[in-house]
């Protein structure tokens, strides 16, 4: 697999938005981090996901907002599961029947993660 250079032009703004969100609680900055889940750059998407998971409960309202707007669902669903958002379960169950196979698969996997977390 060839090595892809990191696109600093995409990553630096993400890190700035994340810092602003964490330091000030700015919802606009937090939404910018969530929007990065839709980036064309895979490194930016991955970093945004990691930052949201690390933020834990603080990211929950922003992720639920993205879920309701159907924004970046293949990324949002596993993050909700990773932070243990059991309240998203009904939405995940409904999305298992989504016509988009990627979304349906992400919902199934997210439910598996939530089930495993509940048993732990």
Protein backbone atom coordinates (compact mmCIF):
# COMPACT_ATOMS: atom_id res chain seq x y z
CA UNK A 1 0.00 0.00 0.00
CA UNK A 2 1.55 3.35 -0.99
CA UNK A 3 2.17 5.93 1.70
CA UNK A 4 -0.16 8.94 1.51
CA UNK A 5 1.14 12.23 2.86
CA UNK A 6 -1.01 13.97 5.46
CA UNK A 7 -2.86 16.96 4.01
CA UNK A 8 -1.94 19.63 6.53
CA UNK A 9 -4.30 22.06 4.82
CA UNK A 10 -7.17 19.84 6.01
CA UNK A 11 -5.79 18.68 9.35
CA UNK A 12 -4.67 22.02 10.82
CA UNK A 13 -8.14 23.62 10.62
CA UNK A 14 -9.61 20.48 12.23
CA UNK A 15 -7.18 20.70 15.12
CA UNK A 16 -7.93 24.41 15.52
CA UNK A 17 -11.69 23.78 15.61
CA UNK A 18 -11.18 20.97 18.10
CA UNK A 19 -9.07 23.18 20.38
CA UNK A 20 -11.65 25.98 20.21
CA UNK A 21 -14.45 23.53 21.02
CA UNK A 22 -12.59 21.95 23.94
CA UNK A 23 -11.40 25.26 25.38
CA UNK A 24 -14.52 27.39 24.91
CA UNK A 25 -17.34 24.91 24.48
CA UNK A 26 -18.25 26.58 21.19
CA UNK A 27 -20.92 24.45 19.52
CA UNK A 28 -20.00 25.97 16.15
CA UNK A 29 -16.44 24.75 16.56
CA UNK A 30 -17.70 21.34 17.70
CA UNK A 31 -19.93 21.10 14.66
CA UNK A 32 -16.84 21.83 12.56
CA UNK A 33 -15.17 18.77 14.06
CA UNK A 34 -18.26 16.68 13.22
CA UNK A 35 -18.30 18.09 9.67
CA UNK A 36 -14.73 16.87 9.26
CA UNK A 37 -16.15 13.33 9.40
CA UNK A 38 -17.32 14.02 5.83
CA UNK A 39 -13.91 15.21 4.62
CA UNK A 40 -12.59 13.89 1.34
CA UNK A 41 -9.29 13.28 3.14
CA UNK A 42 -9.29 9.95 5.01
CA UNK A 43 -6.71 11.16 7.54
CA UNK A 44 -8.91 14.11 8.44
CA UNK A 45 -11.95 11.84 8.82
CA UNK A 46 -10.03 9.46 11.05
CA UNK A 47 -8.59 12.24 13.20
CA UNK A 48 -12.02 13.84 13.61
CA UNK A 49 -13.43 10.50 14.72
CA UNK A 50 -10.63 9.96 17.21
CA UNK A 51 -11.07 13.46 18.65
CA UNK A 52 -14.82 12.95 19.05
CA UNK A 53 -14.38 9.57 20.73
CA UNK A 54 -11.80 11.02 23.11
CA UNK A 55 -14.20 13.84 23.96
CA UNK A 56 -16.70 11.19 25.07
CA UNK A 57 -19.93 12.52 26.55
CA UNK A 58 -19.09 16.04 25.43
CA UNK A 59 -19.45 14.96 21.80
CA UNK A 60 -22.77 13.17 22.35
CA UNK A 61 -25.13 16.13 21.56
CA UNK A 62 -23.19 17.01 18.41
CA UNK A 63 -23.20 13.41 17.22
CA UNK A 64 -26.91 13.05 17.90
CA UNK A 65 -27.48 16.22 15.89
CA UNK A 66 -25.47 14.72 13.02
CA UNK A 67 -27.46 11.49 13.34
CA UNK A 68 -30.76 13.38 13.07
CA UNK A 69 -29.44 15.25 10.00
CA UNK A 70 -28.08 12.00 8.46
CA UNK A 71 -24.65 13.64 8.30
CA UNK A 72 -21.66 11.31 7.79
CA UNK A 73 -23.63 8.34 9.14
CA UNK A 74 -20.99 5.67 8.37
CA UNK A 75 -18.63 7.60 10.66
CA UNK A 76 -21.12 8.92 13.21
CA UNK A 77 -22.75 5.57 14.04
CA UNK A 78 -19.61 3.77 15.22
CA UNK A 79 -18.54 6.82 17.23
CA UNK A 80 -21.88 6.85 19.05
CA UNK A 81 -21.30 3.19 19.89
CA UNK A 82 -17.70 3.79 20.92
CA UNK A 83 -18.79 6.41 23.45
CA UNK A 84 -21.52 4.05 24.71
CA UNK A 85 -24.56 6.08 23.70
CA UNK A 86 -27.25 3.53 24.53
CA UNK A 87 -29.94 6.18 23.90
CA UNK A 88 -29.10 6.05 20.18
CA UNK A 89 -30.13 2.39 20.06
CA UNK A 90 -33.66 2.99 18.58
CA UNK A 91 -32.20 5.12 15.78
CA UNK A 92 -29.52 2.51 15.11
CA UNK A 93 -32.13 -0.25 14.96
CA UNK A 94 -34.12 1.75 12.41
CA UNK A 95 -30.99 2.42 10.35
CA UNK A 96 -30.30 -1.31 10.05
CA UNK A 97 -32.99 -1.22 7.34
CA UNK A 98 -31.50 1.81 5.57
CA UNK A 99 -31.40 1.45 1.76
CA UNK A 100 -27.74 2.51 1.84
CA UNK A 101 -25.88 -0.72 2.59
CA UNK A 102 -22.96 1.18 4.13
CA UNK A 103 -25.27 2.92 6.61
CA UNK A 104 -27.14 -0.30 7.40
CA UNK A 105 -23.85 -2.13 8.00
CA UNK A 106 -22.53 0.66 10.22
CA UNK A 107 -25.76 0.54 12.25
CA UNK A 108 -25.48 -3.24 12.71
CA UNK A 109 -21.87 -2.95 13.81
CA UNK A 110 -22.67 -0.07 16.17
CA UNK A 111 -25.39 -2.17 17.81
CA UNK A 112 -22.92 -5.05 18.25
CA UNK A 113 -20.53 -2.66 19.99
CA UNK A 114 -23.27 -1.31 22.25
CA UNK A 115 -24.33 -4.87 23.12
CA UNK A 116 -20.74 -5.80 23.98
CA UNK A 117 -20.33 -2.68 26.11
CA UNK A 118 -23.56 -3.45 27.97
CA UNK A 119 -22.31 -6.95 28.82
CA UNK A 120 -18.88 -5.72 30.00
